[in-house]
Amino acid sequence: MTSKQLNNWAVYRLSKFTRQGDLESDHSGYVRPLPVPRSLNSDIS
């Protein structure tokens, strides 16, 4: 993660779905995974 991505992570209640600026988001280009076992698809949060 870049310093900006760490900054974004630190902002409380700013989820991976509402963060501004995908270029520097900690989940850039996030696409919700297909319905597979949740422990494997990084969709826990």
PDB file of all heavy atoms in Angstrom:
ATOM      1  N   MET A   1       0.831  -1.192   0.000  1.00  0.00           N
ATOM      2  CA  MET A   1       0.000   0.000   0.000  1.00  0.00           C
ATOM      3  C   MET A   1       0.869   1.246   0.000  1.00  0.00           C
ATOM      4  O   MET A   1       1.913   1.289   0.654  1.00  0.00           O
ATOM      5  CB  MET A   1      -0.924   0.019   1.231  1.00  0.00           C
ATOM      6  CG  MET A   1      -1.891  -1.156   1.277  1.00  0.00           C
ATOM      7  SD  MET A   1      -2.802  -1.231   2.847  1.00  0.00           S
ATOM      8  CE  MET A   1      -3.862   0.198   2.693  1.00  0.00           C
ATOM      9  N   THR A   2       0.423   2.253  -0.722  1.00  0.00           N
ATOM     10  CA  THR A   2       1.104   3.539  -0.724  1.00  0.00           C
ATOM     11  C   THR A   2       0.711   4.313   0.531  1.00  0.00           C
ATOM     12  O   THR A   2      -0.192   3.908   1.277  1.00  0.00           O
ATOM     13  CB  THR A   2       0.721   4.358  -1.961  1.00  0.00           C
ATOM     14  OG1 THR A   2      -0.676   4.702  -1.866  1.00  0.00           O
ATOM     15  CG2 THR A   2       0.961   3.582  -3.251  1.00  0.00           C
ATOM     16  N   SER A   3       1.358   5.458   0.749  1.00  0.00           N
ATOM     17  CA  SER A   3       1.001   6.268   1.915  1.00  0.00           C
ATOM     18  C   SER A   3      -0.437   6.766   1.794  1.00  0.00           C
ATOM     19  O   SER A   3      -1.158   6.872   2.795  1.00  0.00           O
ATOM     20  CB  SER A   3       1.970   7.442   2.068  1.00  0.00           C
ATOM     21  OG  SER A   3       1.860   8.338   0.971  1.00  0.00           O
ATOM     22  N   LYS A   4      -0.875   7.079   0.576  1.00  0.00           N
ATOM     23  CA  LYS A   4      -2.253   7.536   0.378  1.00  0.00           C
ATOM     24  C   LYS A   4      -3.244   6.412   0.663  1.00  0.00           C
ATOM     25  O   LYS A   4      -4.305   6.644   1.256  1.00  0.00           O
ATOM     26  CB  LYS A   4      -2.424   8.036  -1.061  1.00  0.00           C
ATOM     27  CG  LYS A   4      -3.836   8.504  -1.398  1.00  0.00           C
ATOM     28  CD  LYS A   4      -4.278   9.675  -0.544  1.00  0.00           C
ATOM     29  CE  LYS A   4      -5.628  10.200  -0.966  1.00  0.00           C
ATOM     30  NZ  LYS A   4      -6.100  11.291  -0.087  1.00  0.00           N
ATOM     31  N   GLN A   5      -2.916   5.205   0.284  1.00  0.00           N
ATOM     32  CA  GLN A   5      -3.800   4.071   0.552  1.00  0.00           C
ATOM     33  C   GLN A   5      -3.880   3.785   2.052  1.00  0.00           C
ATOM     34  O   GLN A   5      -4.950   3.467   2.575  1.00  0.00           O
ATOM     35  CB  GLN A   5      -3.312   2.842  -0.219  1.00  0.00           C
ATOM     36  CG  GLN A   5      -3.528   2.990  -1.721  1.00  0.00           C
ATOM     37  CD  GLN A   5      -2.748   1.984  -2.540  1.00  0.00           C
ATOM     38  OE1 GLN A   5      -1.767   1.415  -2.064  1.00  0.00           O
ATOM     39  NE2 GLN A   5      -3.168   1.756  -3.763  1.00  0.00           N
ATOM     40  N   LEU A   6      -2.755   3.921   2.751  1.00  0.00           N
ATOM     41  CA  LEU A   6      -2.780   3.784   4.209  1.00  0.00           C
ATOM     42  C   LEU A   6      -3.621   4.890   4.824  1.00  0.00           C
ATOM     43  O   LEU A   6      -4.364   4.668   5.772  1.00  0.00           O
ATOM     44  CB  LEU A   6      -1.352   3.827   4.768  1.00  0.00           C
ATOM     45  CG  LEU A   6      -0.493   2.591   4.550  1.00  0.00           C
ATOM     46  CD1 LEU A   6       0.920   2.835   5.052  1.00  0.00           C
ATOM     47  CD2 LEU A   6      -1.088   1.367   5.239  1.00  0.00           C
ATOM     48  N   ASN A   7      -3.508   6.098   4.283  1.00  0.00           N
ATOM     49  CA  ASN A   7      -4.311   7.230   4.742  1.00  0.00           C
ATOM     50  C   ASN A   7      -5.791   6.907   4.595  1.00  0.00           C
ATOM     51  O   ASN A   7      -6.586   7.107   5.515  1.00  0.00           O
ATOM     52  CB  ASN A   7      -3.928   8.470   3.919  1.00  0.00           C
ATOM     53  CG  ASN A   7      -4.600   9.738   4.399  1.00  0.00           C
ATOM     54  OD1 ASN A   7      -5.793   9.749   4.662  1.00  0.00           O
ATOM     55  ND2 ASN A   7      -3.846  10.814   4.481  1.00  0.00           N
ATOM     56  N   ASN A   8      -6.175   6.393   3.423  1.00  0.00           N
ATOM     57  CA  ASN A   8      -7.574   6.036   3.189  1.00  0.00           C
ATOM     58  C   ASN A   8      -8.046   4.967   4.161  1.00  0.00           C
ATOM     59  O   ASN A   8      -9.167   5.012   4.665  1.00  0.00           O
ATOM     60  CB  ASN A   8      -7.761   5.550   1.750  1.00  0.00           C
ATOM     61  CG  ASN A   8      -7.854   6.683   0.755  1.00  0.00           C
ATOM     62  OD1 ASN A   8      -8.035   7.839   1.130  1.00  0.00           O
ATOM     63  ND2 ASN A   8      -7.720   6.360  -0.516  1.00  0.00           N
ATOM     64  N   TRP A   9      -7.188   3.982   4.422  1.00  0.00           N
ATOM     65  CA  TRP A   9      -7.575   2.897   5.341  1.00  0.00           C
ATOM     66  C   TRP A   9      -7.850   3.456   6.738  1.00  0.00           C
ATOM     67  O   TRP A   9      -8.723   2.964   7.446  1.00  0.00           O
ATOM     68  CB  TRP A   9      -6.474   1.840   5.404  1.00  0.00           C
ATOM     69  CG  TRP A   9      -6.857   0.656   6.235  1.00  0.00           C
ATOM     70  CD1 TRP A   9      -7.516  -0.469   5.815  1.00  0.00           C
ATOM     71  CD2 TRP A   9      -6.619   0.471   7.643  1.00  0.00           C
ATOM     72  NE1 TRP A   9      -7.698  -1.323   6.882  1.00  0.00           N
ATOM     73  CE2 TRP A   9      -7.164  -0.780   7.998  1.00  0.00           C
ATOM     74  CE3 TRP A   9      -5.998   1.250   8.624  1.00  0.00           C
ATOM     75  CZ2 TRP A   9      -7.097  -1.271   9.309  1.00  0.00           C
ATOM     76  CZ3 TRP A   9      -5.945   0.757   9.920  1.00  0.00           C
ATOM     77  CH2 TRP A   9      -6.479  -0.487  10.252  1.00  0.00           C
ATOM     78  N   ALA A  10      -7.106   4.498   7.109  1.00  0.00           N
ATOM     79  CA  ALA A  10      -7.223   5.053   8.457  1.00  0.00           C
ATOM     80  C   ALA A  10      -8.537   5.784   8.674  1.00  0.00           C
ATOM     81  O   ALA A  10      -8.958   5.976   9.808  1.00  0.00           O
ATOM     82  CB  ALA A  10      -6.058   6.000   8.740  1.00  0.00           C
ATOM     83  N   VAL A  11      -9.212   6.215   7.584  1.00  0.00           N
ATOM     84  CA  VAL A  11     -10.436   6.990   7.733  1.00  0.00           C
ATOM     85  C   VAL A  11     -11.575   6.076   8.152  1.00  0.00           C
ATOM     86  O   VAL A  11     -11.997   5.203   7.400  1.00  0.00           O
ATOM     87  CB  VAL A  11     -10.782   7.731   6.428  1.00  0.00           C
ATOM     88  CG1 VAL A  11     -12.072   8.526   6.591  1.00  0.00           C
ATOM     89  CG2 VAL A  11      -9.653   8.663   6.035  1.00  0.00           C
ATOM     90  N   TYR A  12     -12.034   6.265   9.347  1.00  0.00           N
ATOM     91  CA  TYR A  12     -13.059   5.408   9.943  1.00  0.00           C
ATOM     92  C   TYR A  12     -14.368   5.456   9.173  1.00  0.00           C
ATOM     93  O   TYR A  12     -14.830   6.513   8.775  1.00  0.00           O
ATOM     94  CB  TYR A  12     -13.297   5.877  11.377  1.00  0.00           C
ATOM     95  CG  TYR A  12     -13.899   4.850  12.296  1.00  0.00           C
ATOM     96  CD1 TYR A  12     -13.124   3.830  12.826  1.00  0.00           C
ATOM     97  CD2 TYR A  12     -15.238   4.902  12.645  1.00  0.00           C
ATOM     98  CE1 TYR A  12     -13.666   2.900  13.688  1.00  0.00           C
ATOM     99  CE2 TYR A  12     -15.788   3.982  13.501  1.00  0.00           C
ATOM    100  CZ  TYR A  12     -15.001   2.971  14.021  1.00  0.00           C
ATOM    101  OH  TYR A  12     -15.550   2.050  14.860  1.00  0.00           O
ATOM    102  N   ARG A  13     -14.943   4.302   8.939  1.00  0.00           N
ATOM    103  CA  ARG A  13     -16.227   4.153   8.249  1.00  0.00           C
ATOM    104  C   ARG A  13     -16.163   4.589   6.788  1.00  0.00           C
ATOM    105  O   ARG A  13     -17.167   4.955   6.200  1.00  0.00           O
ATOM    106  CB  ARG A  13     -17.351   4.930   8.957  1.00  0.00           C
ATOM    107  CG  ARG A  13     -17.681   4.377  10.326  1.00  0.00           C
ATOM    108  CD  ARG A  13     -18.187   2.945  10.244  1.00  0.00           C
ATOM    109  NE  ARG A  13     -19.329   2.828   9.351  1.00  0.00           N
ATOM    110  CZ  ARG A  13     -19.721   1.684   8.803  1.00  0.00           C
ATOM    111  NH1 ARG A  13     -19.050   0.588   9.017  1.00  0.00           N
ATOM    112  NH2 ARG A  13     -20.782   1.657   8.024  1.00  0.00           N
ATOM    113  N   LEU A  14     -14.968   4.550   6.186  1.00  0.00           N
ATOM    114  CA  LEU A  14     -14.852   4.804   4.755  1.00  0.00           C
ATOM    115  C   LEU A  14     -14.567   3.452   4.118  1.00  0.00           C
ATOM    116  O   LEU A  14     -13.436   3.016   4.041  1.00  0.00           O
ATOM    117  CB  LEU A  14     -13.707   5.781   4.476  1.00  0.00           C
ATOM    118  CG  LEU A  14     -13.537   6.272   3.035  1.00  0.00           C
ATOM    119  CD1 LEU A  14     -14.806   6.933   2.522  1.00  0.00           C
ATOM    120  CD2 LEU A  14     -12.367   7.220   2.941  1.00  0.00           C
ATOM    121  N   SER A  15     -15.622   2.764   3.682  1.00  0.00           N
ATOM    122  CA  SER A  15     -15.487   1.372   3.269  1.00  0.00           C
ATOM    123  C   SER A  15     -14.874   1.260   1.887  1.00  0.00           C
ATOM    124  O   SER A  15     -14.726   2.224   1.149  1.00  0.00           O
ATOM    125  CB  SER A  15     -16.850   0.691   3.255  1.00  0.00           C
ATOM    126  OG  SER A  15     -17.587   1.088   2.118  1.00  0.00           O
ATOM    127  N   LYS A  16     -14.527   0.033   1.502  1.00  0.00           N
ATOM    128  CA  LYS A  16     -13.944  -0.220   0.198  1.00  0.00           C
ATOM    129  C   LYS A  16     -14.924   0.117  -0.923  1.00  0.00           C
ATOM    130  O   LYS A  16     -14.530   0.259  -2.070  1.00  0.00           O
ATOM    131  CB  LYS A  16     -13.506  -1.684   0.088  1.00  0.00           C
ATOM    132  CG  LYS A  16     -14.663  -2.683   0.074  1.00  0.00           C
ATOM    133  CD  LYS A  16     -14.175  -4.107  -0.132  1.00  0.00           C
ATOM    134  CE  LYS A  16     -13.465  -4.644   1.075  1.00  0.00           C
ATOM    135  NZ  LYS A  16     -13.156  -6.086   0.959  1.00  0.00           N
ATOM    136  N   PHE A  17     -16.207   0.276  -0.606  1.00  0.00           N
ATOM    137  CA  PHE A  17     -17.204   0.563  -1.624  1.00  0.00           C
ATOM    138  C   PHE A  17     -17.472   2.053  -1.768  1.00  0.00           C
ATOM    139  O   PHE A  17     -18.099   2.479  -2.726  1.00  0.00           O
ATOM    140  CB  PHE A  17     -18.521  -0.152  -1.298  1.00  0.00           C
ATOM    141  CG  PHE A  17     -18.357  -1.649  -1.219  1.00  0.00           C
ATOM    142  CD1 PHE A  17     -18.239  -2.279   0.001  1.00  0.00           C
ATOM    143  CD2 PHE A  17     -18.291  -2.408  -2.374  1.00  0.00           C
ATOM    144  CE1 PHE A  17     -18.063  -3.656   0.069  1.00  0.00           C
ATOM    145  CE2 PHE A  17     -18.126  -3.777  -2.302  1.00  0.00           C
ATOM    146  CZ  PHE A  17     -18.006  -4.411  -1.086  1.00  0.00           C
ATOM    147  N   THR A  18     -17.028   2.867  -0.811  1.00  0.00           N
ATOM    148  CA  THR A  18     -17.347   4.299  -0.853  1.00  0.00           C
ATOM    149  C   THR A  18     -16.116   5.182  -0.900  1.00  0.00           C
ATOM    150  O   THR A  18     -16.240   6.388  -0.928  1.00  0.00           O
ATOM    151  CB  THR A  18     -18.180   4.710   0.372  1.00  0.00           C
ATOM    152  OG1 THR A  18     -17.434   4.410   1.567  1.00  0.00           O
ATOM    153  CG2 THR A  18     -19.506   3.970   0.406  1.00  0.00           C
ATOM    154  N   ARG A  19     -14.915   4.616  -0.911  1.00  0.00           N
ATOM    155  CA  ARG A  19     -13.707   5.426  -0.950  1.00  0.00           C
ATOM    156  C   ARG A  19     -13.640   6.204  -2.258  1.00  0.00           C
ATOM    157  O   ARG A  19     -13.985   5.705  -3.314  1.00  0.00           O
ATOM    158  CB  ARG A  19     -12.450   4.557  -0.814  1.00  0.00           C
ATOM    159  CG  ARG A  19     -12.348   3.873   0.533  1.00  0.00           C
ATOM    160  CD  ARG A  19     -11.108   3.003   0.604  1.00  0.00           C
ATOM    161  NE  ARG A  19     -11.208   2.065   1.706  1.00  0.00           N
ATOM    162  CZ  ARG A  19     -10.850   2.335   2.936  1.00  0.00           C
ATOM    163  NH1 ARG A  19     -10.386   3.510   3.237  1.00  0.00           N
ATOM    164  NH2 ARG A  19     -10.968   1.432   3.892  1.00  0.00           N
ATOM    165  N   GLN A  20     -13.166   7.437  -2.162  1.00  0.00           N
ATOM    166  CA  GLN A  20     -13.062   8.286  -3.337  1.00  0.00           C
ATOM    167  C   GLN A  20     -11.724   8.064  -4.040  1.00  0.00           C
ATOM    168  O   GLN A  20     -10.711   7.844  -3.402  1.00  0.00           O
ATOM    169  CB  GLN A  20     -13.189   9.759  -2.940  1.00  0.00           C
ATOM    170  CG  GLN A  20     -14.521  10.101  -2.295  1.00  0.00           C
ATOM    171  CD  GLN A  20     -15.686   9.863  -3.249  1.00  0.00           C
ATOM    172  OE1 GLN A  20     -15.630  10.259  -4.407  1.00  0.00           O
ATOM    173  NE2 GLN A  20     -16.723   9.214  -2.763  1.00  0.00           N
ATOM    174  N   GLY A  21     -11.727   8.136  -5.356  1.00  0.00           N
ATOM    175  CA  GLY A  21     -10.485   8.065  -6.123  1.00  0.00           C
ATOM    176  C   GLY A  21      -9.911   6.670  -6.172  1.00  0.00           C
ATOM    177  O   GLY A  21      -9.008   6.329  -5.427  1.00  0.00           O
ATOM    178  N   ASP A  22     -10.434   5.818  -7.046  1.00  0.00           N
ATOM    179  CA  ASP A  22      -9.960   4.441  -7.141  1.00  0.00           C
ATOM    180  C   ASP A  22      -8.463   4.356  -7.403  1.00  0.00           C
ATOM    181  O   ASP A  22      -7.819   3.384  -7.057  1.00  0.00           O
ATOM    182  CB  ASP A  22     -10.713   3.691  -8.247  1.00  0.00           C
ATOM    183  CG  ASP A  22     -12.077   3.193  -7.779  1.00  0.00           C
ATOM    184  OD1 ASP A  22     -12.297   3.185  -6.556  1.00  0.00           O
ATOM    185  OD2 ASP A  22     -12.881   2.825  -8.622  1.00  0.00           O
ATOM    186  N   LEU A  23      -7.882   5.425  -8.026  1.00  0.00           N
ATOM    187  CA  LEU A  23      -6.466   5.389  -8.351  1.00  0.00           C
ATOM    188  C   LEU A  23      -5.628   5.162  -7.099  1.00  0.00           C
ATOM    189  O   LEU A  23      -4.612   4.473  -7.138  1.00  0.00           O
ATOM    190  CB  LEU A  23      -6.055   6.704  -9.020  1.00  0.00           C
ATOM    191  CG  LEU A  23      -4.585   6.807  -9.444  1.00  0.00           C
ATOM    192  CD1 LEU A  23      -4.310   5.795 -10.558  1.00  0.00           C
ATOM    193  CD2 LEU A  23      -4.261   8.211  -9.922  1.00  0.00           C
ATOM    194  N   GLU A  24      -6.053   5.712  -5.989  1.00  0.00           N
ATOM    195  CA  GLU A  24      -5.279   5.589  -4.761  1.00  0.00           C
ATOM    196  C   GLU A  24      -6.041   4.818  -3.683  1.00  0.00           C
ATOM    197  O   GLU A  24      -5.691   4.849  -2.526  1.00  0.00           O
ATOM    198  CB  GLU A  24      -4.900   6.971  -4.223  1.00  0.00           C
ATOM    199  CG  GLU A  24      -3.881   7.711  -5.073  1.00  0.00           C
ATOM    200  CD  GLU A  24      -2.492   7.113  -4.972  1.00  0.00           C
ATOM    201  OE1 GLU A  24      -2.309   6.157  -4.196  1.00  0.00           O
ATOM    202  OE2 GLU A  24      -1.590   7.592  -5.664  1.00  0.00           O
ATOM    203  N   SER A  25      -7.105   4.125  -4.047  1.00  0.00           N
ATOM    204  CA  SER A  25      -7.883   3.379  -3.070  1.00  0.00           C
ATOM    205  C   SER A  25      -7.124   2.145  -2.628  1.00  0.00           C
ATOM    206  O   SER A  25      -6.319   1.590  -3.362  1.00  0.00           O
ATOM    207  CB  SER A  25      -9.227   2.957  -3.669  1.00  0.00           C
ATOM    208  OG  SER A  25      -9.883   2.028  -2.831  1.00  0.00           O
ATOM    209  N   ASP A  26      -7.370   1.688  -1.397  1.00  0.00           N
ATOM    210  CA  ASP A  26      -6.699   0.473  -0.944  1.00  0.00           C
ATOM    211  C   ASP A  26      -7.338  -0.771  -1.542  1.00  0.00           C
ATOM    212  O   ASP A  26      -6.864  -1.877  -1.357  1.00  0.00           O
ATOM    213  CB  ASP A  26      -6.682   0.385   0.590  1.00  0.00           C
ATOM    214  CG  ASP A  26      -8.062   0.295   1.195  1.00  0.00           C
ATOM    215  OD1 ASP A  26      -9.037   0.623   0.498  1.00  0.00           O
ATOM    216  OD2 ASP A  26      -8.165  -0.109   2.370  1.00  0.00           O
ATOM    217  N   HIS A  27      -8.439  -0.601  -2.249  1.00  0.00           N
ATOM    218  CA  HIS A  27      -9.051  -1.709  -2.983  1.00  0.00           C
ATOM    219  C   HIS A  27      -9.315  -1.241  -4.410  1.00  0.00           C
ATOM    220  O   HIS A  27     -10.445  -1.291  -4.892  1.00  0.00           O
ATOM    221  CB  HIS A  27     -10.362  -2.157  -2.320  1.00  0.00           C
ATOM    222  CG  HIS A  27     -10.146  -2.873  -1.015  1.00  0.00           C
ATOM    223  ND1 HIS A  27      -9.852  -4.207  -0.934  1.00  0.00           N
ATOM    224  CD2 HIS A  27     -10.152  -2.432   0.263  1.00  0.00           C
ATOM    225  CE1 HIS A  27      -9.716  -4.571   0.335  1.00  0.00           C
ATOM    226  NE2 HIS A  27      -9.883  -3.501   1.079  1.00  0.00           N
ATOM    227  N   SER A  28      -8.290  -0.759  -5.085  1.00  0.00           N
ATOM    228  CA  SER A  28      -8.448  -0.190  -6.415  1.00  0.00           C
ATOM    229  C   SER A  28      -9.111  -1.184  -7.356  1.00  0.00           C
ATOM    230  O   SER A  28      -8.724  -2.349  -7.424  1.00  0.00           O
ATOM    231  CB  SER A  28      -7.087   0.214  -6.984  1.00  0.00           C
ATOM    232  OG  SER A  28      -6.489   1.186  -6.160  1.00  0.00           O
ATOM    233  N   GLY A  29     -10.124  -0.707  -8.077  1.00  0.00           N
ATOM    234  CA  GLY A  29     -10.803  -1.556  -9.042  1.00  0.00           C
ATOM    235  C   GLY A  29     -11.517  -2.736  -8.407  1.00  0.00           C
ATOM    236  O   GLY A  29     -11.667  -3.789  -9.015  1.00  0.00           O
ATOM    237  N   TYR A  30     -11.964  -2.569  -7.162  1.00  0.00           N
ATOM    238  CA  TYR A  30     -12.584  -3.683  -6.453  1.00  0.00           C
ATOM    239  C   TYR A  30     -13.845  -4.161  -7.162  1.00  0.00           C
ATOM    240  O   TYR A  30     -14.698  -3.387  -7.553  1.00  0.00           O
ATOM    241  CB  TYR A  30     -12.943  -3.263  -5.017  1.00  0.00           C
ATOM    242  CG  TYR A  30     -13.580  -4.384  -4.212  1.00  0.00           C
ATOM    243  CD1 TYR A  30     -12.786  -5.298  -3.535  1.00  0.00           C
ATOM    244  CD2 TYR A  30     -14.960  -4.536  -4.155  1.00  0.00           C
ATOM    245  CE1 TYR A  30     -13.354  -6.328  -2.811  1.00  0.00           C
ATOM    246  CE2 TYR A  30     -15.533  -5.563  -3.439  1.00  0.00           C
ATOM    247  CZ  TYR A  30     -14.734  -6.450  -2.760  1.00  0.00           C
ATOM    248  OH  TYR A  30     -15.302  -7.468  -2.063  1.00  0.00           O
ATOM    249  N   VAL A  31     -13.919  -5.467  -7.364  1.00  0.00           N
ATOM    250  CA  VAL A  31     -15.105  -6.102  -7.917  1.00  0.00           C
ATOM    251  C   VAL A  31     -15.527  -7.188  -6.951  1.00  0.00           C
ATOM    252  O   VAL A  31     -14.719  -8.039  -6.567  1.00  0.00           O
ATOM    253  CB  VAL A  31     -14.825  -6.722  -9.304  1.00  0.00           C
ATOM    254  CG1 VAL A  31     -16.059  -7.438  -9.825  1.00  0.00           C
ATOM    255  CG2 VAL A  31     -14.378  -5.649 -10.280  1.00  0.00           C
ATOM    256  N   ARG A  32     -16.774  -7.168  -6.544  1.00  0.00           N
ATOM    257  CA  ARG A  32     -17.218  -8.159  -5.570  1.00  0.00           C
ATOM    258  C   ARG A  32     -17.074  -9.560  -6.158  1.00  0.00           C
ATOM    259  O   ARG A  32     -17.538  -9.838  -7.267  1.00  0.00           O
ATOM    260  CB  ARG A  32     -18.679  -7.916  -5.181  1.00  0.00           C
ATOM    261  CG  ARG A  32     -19.113  -8.830  -4.027  1.00  0.00           C
ATOM    262  CD  ARG A  32     -20.528  -8.554  -3.592  1.00  0.00           C
ATOM    263  NE  ARG A  32     -20.893  -9.449  -2.502  1.00  0.00           N
ATOM    264  CZ  ARG A  32     -22.120  -9.561  -2.022  1.00  0.00           C
ATOM    265  NH1 ARG A  32     -23.083  -8.820  -2.513  1.00  0.00           N
ATOM    266  NH2 ARG A  32     -22.378 -10.384  -1.036  1.00  0.00           N
ATOM    267  N   PRO A  33     -16.394 -10.473  -5.433  1.00  0.00           N
ATOM    268  CA  PRO A  33     -16.137 -11.808  -5.966  1.00  0.00           C
ATOM    269  C   PRO A  33     -17.417 -12.605  -6.204  1.00  0.00           C
ATOM    270  O   PRO A  33     -18.474 -12.294  -5.659  1.00  0.00           O
ATOM    271  CB  PRO A  33     -15.280 -12.467  -4.878  1.00  0.00           C
ATOM    272  CG  PRO A  33     -14.753 -11.337  -4.062  1.00  0.00           C
ATOM    273  CD  PRO A  33     -15.793 -10.265  -4.120  1.00  0.00           C
ATOM    274  N   LEU A  34     -17.284 -13.643  -7.031  1.00  0.00           N
ATOM    275  CA  LEU A  34     -18.392 -14.561  -7.260  1.00  0.00           C
ATOM    276  C   LEU A  34     -18.699 -15.291  -5.959  1.00  0.00           C
ATOM    277  O   LEU A  34     -17.845 -15.411  -5.069  1.00  0.00           O
ATOM    278  CB  LEU A  34     -18.026 -15.563  -8.359  1.00  0.00           C
ATOM    279  CG  LEU A  34     -17.822 -14.941  -9.750  1.00  0.00           C
ATOM    280  CD1 LEU A  34     -17.295 -16.001 -10.720  1.00  0.00           C
ATOM    281  CD2 LEU A  34     -19.124 -14.348 -10.262  1.00  0.00           C
ATOM    282  N   PRO A  35     -19.922 -15.811  -5.801  1.00  0.00           N
ATOM    283  CA  PRO A  35     -20.300 -16.484  -4.552  1.00  0.00           C
ATOM    284  C   PRO A  35     -19.580 -17.810  -4.374  1.00  0.00           C
ATOM    285  O   PRO A  35     -20.062 -18.870  -4.785  1.00  0.00           O
ATOM    286  CB  PRO A  35     -21.815 -16.664  -4.706  1.00  0.00           C
ATOM    287  CG  PRO A  35     -22.051 -16.672  -6.174  1.00  0.00           C
ATOM    288  CD  PRO A  35     -21.046 -15.731  -6.754  1.00  0.00           C
ATOM    289  N   VAL A  36     -18.395 -17.754  -3.789  1.00  0.00           N
ATOM    290  CA  VAL A  36     -17.636 -18.940  -3.415  1.00  0.00           C
ATOM    291  C   VAL A  36     -17.438 -18.866  -1.908  1.00  0.00           C
ATOM    292  O   VAL A  36     -17.809 -17.866  -1.294  1.00  0.00           O
ATOM    293  CB  VAL A  36     -16.276 -18.978  -4.146  1.00  0.00           C
ATOM    294  CG1 VAL A  36     -16.485 -19.104  -5.640  1.00  0.00           C
ATOM    295  CG2 VAL A  36     -15.448 -17.749  -3.828  1.00  0.00           C
ATOM    296  N   PRO A  37     -16.888 -19.914  -1.273  1.00  0.00           N
ATOM    297  CA  PRO A  37     -16.718 -19.862   0.186  1.00  0.00           C
ATOM    298  C   PRO A  37     -16.093 -18.553   0.648  1.00  0.00           C
ATOM    299  O   PRO A  37     -15.040 -18.154   0.163  1.00  0.00           O
ATOM    300  CB  PRO A  37     -15.801 -21.064   0.457  1.00  0.00           C
ATOM    301  CG  PRO A  37     -16.189 -22.040  -0.600  1.00  0.00           C
ATOM    302  CD  PRO A  37     -16.461 -21.210  -1.830  1.00  0.00           C
ATOM    303  N   ARG A  38     -16.768 -17.878   1.567  1.00  0.00           N
ATOM    304  CA  ARG A  38     -16.396 -16.521   1.944  1.00  0.00           C
ATOM    305  C   ARG A  38     -14.981 -16.435   2.499  1.00  0.00           C
ATOM    306  O   ARG A  38     -14.315 -15.419   2.364  1.00  0.00           O
ATOM    307  CB  ARG A  38     -17.407 -15.990   2.964  1.00  0.00           C
ATOM    308  CG  ARG A  38     -17.227 -14.518   3.291  1.00  0.00           C
ATOM    309  CD  ARG A  38     -18.442 -13.967   3.992  1.00  0.00           C
ATOM    310  NE  ARG A  38     -19.636 -14.093   3.177  1.00  0.00           N
ATOM    311  CZ  ARG A  38     -19.951 -13.281   2.192  1.00  0.00           C
ATOM    312  NH1 ARG A  38     -19.140 -12.295   1.888  1.00  0.00           N
ATOM    313  NH2 ARG A  38     -21.049 -13.439   1.505  1.00  0.00           N
ATOM    314  N   SER A  39     -14.494 -17.521   3.103  1.00  0.00           N
ATOM    315  CA  SER A  39     -13.160 -17.489   3.687  1.00  0.00           C
ATOM    316  C   SER A  39     -12.073 -17.439   2.626  1.00  0.00           C
ATOM    317  O   SER A  39     -10.922 -17.206   2.936  1.00  0.00           O
ATOM    318  CB  SER A  39     -12.934 -18.729   4.559  1.00  0.00           C
ATOM    319  OG  SER A  39     -13.045 -19.906   3.786  1.00  0.00           O
ATOM    320  N   LEU A  40     -12.437 -17.631   1.342  1.00  0.00           N
ATOM    321  CA  LEU A  40     -11.443 -17.664   0.289  1.00  0.00           C
ATOM    322  C   LEU A  40     -11.522 -16.481  -0.667  1.00  0.00           C
ATOM    323  O   LEU A  40     -10.638 -16.286  -1.483  1.00  0.00           O
ATOM    324  CB  LEU A  40     -11.597 -18.954  -0.547  1.00  0.00           C
ATOM    325  CG  LEU A  40     -11.415 -20.266   0.209  1.00  0.00           C
ATOM    326  CD1 LEU A  40     -11.655 -21.432  -0.738  1.00  0.00           C
ATOM    327  CD2 LEU A  40     -10.030 -20.362   0.811  1.00  0.00           C
ATOM    328  N   ASN A  41     -12.584 -15.699  -0.584  1.00  0.00           N
ATOM    329  CA  ASN A  41     -12.786 -14.715  -1.639  1.00  0.00           C
ATOM    330  C   ASN A  41     -12.537 -13.265  -1.227  1.00  0.00           C
ATOM    331  O   ASN A  41     -12.896 -12.352  -1.953  1.00  0.00           O
ATOM    332  CB  ASN A  41     -14.193 -14.856  -2.240  1.00  0.00           C
ATOM    333  CG  ASN A  41     -15.284 -14.414  -1.279  1.00  0.00           C
ATOM    334  OD1 ASN A  41     -15.000 -13.968  -0.171  1.00  0.00           O
ATOM    335  ND2 ASN A  41     -16.529 -14.545  -1.698  1.00  0.00           N
ATOM    336  N   SER A  42     -11.939 -13.061  -0.064  1.00  0.00           N
ATOM    337  CA  SER A  42     -11.603 -11.713   0.391  1.00  0.00           C
ATOM    338  C   SER A  42     -12.818 -10.797   0.383  1.00  0.00           C
ATOM    339  O   SER A  42     -12.753  -9.657  -0.028  1.00  0.00           O
ATOM    340  CB  SER A  42     -10.501 -11.107  -0.484  1.00  0.00           C
ATOM    341  OG  SER A  42     -10.149  -9.830  -0.009  1.00  0.00           O
ATOM    342  N   ASP A  43     -13.929 -11.281   0.835  1.00  0.00           N
ATOM    343  CA  ASP A  43     -15.149 -10.481   0.873  1.00  0.00           C
ATOM    344  C   ASP A  43     -15.712 -10.439   2.289  1.00  0.00           C
ATOM    345  O   ASP A  43     -16.870 -10.155   2.495  1.00  0.00           O
ATOM    346  CB  ASP A  43     -16.186 -11.082  -0.082  1.00  0.00           C
ATOM    347  CG  ASP A  43     -17.243 -10.055  -0.506  1.00  0.00           C
ATOM    348  OD1 ASP A  43     -16.964  -8.851  -0.375  1.00  0.00           O
ATOM    349  OD2 ASP A  43     -18.322 -10.463  -0.948  1.00  0.00           O
ATOM    350  N   ILE A  44     -14.857 -10.786   3.259  1.00  0.00           N
ATOM    351  CA  ILE A  44     -15.321 -10.866   4.641  1.00  0.00           C
ATOM    352  C   ILE A  44     -15.914  -9.547   5.107  1.00  0.00           C
ATOM    353  O   ILE A  44     -16.993  -9.500   5.697  1.00  0.00           O
ATOM    354  CB  ILE A  44     -14.156 -11.276   5.576  1.00  0.00           C
ATOM    355  CG1 ILE A  44     -13.635 -12.663   5.180  1.00  0.00           C
ATOM    356  CG2 ILE A  44     -14.611 -11.287   7.030  1.00  0.00           C
ATOM    357  CD1 ILE A  44     -12.367 -13.057   5.894  1.00  0.00           C
ATOM    358  N   SER A  45     -15.210  -8.445   4.818  1.00  0.00           N
ATOM    359  CA  SER A  45     -15.631  -7.160   5.383  1.00  0.00           C
ATOM    360  C   SER A  45     -16.875  -6.592   4.715  1.00  0.00           C
ATOM    361  O   SER A  45     -17.361  -5.551   5.114  1.00  0.00           O
ATOM    362  CB  SER A  45     -14.489  -6.145   5.304  1.00  0.00           C
ATOM    363  OG  SER A  45     -14.136  -5.898   3.967  1.00  0.00           O
TER     364      SER A  45
END
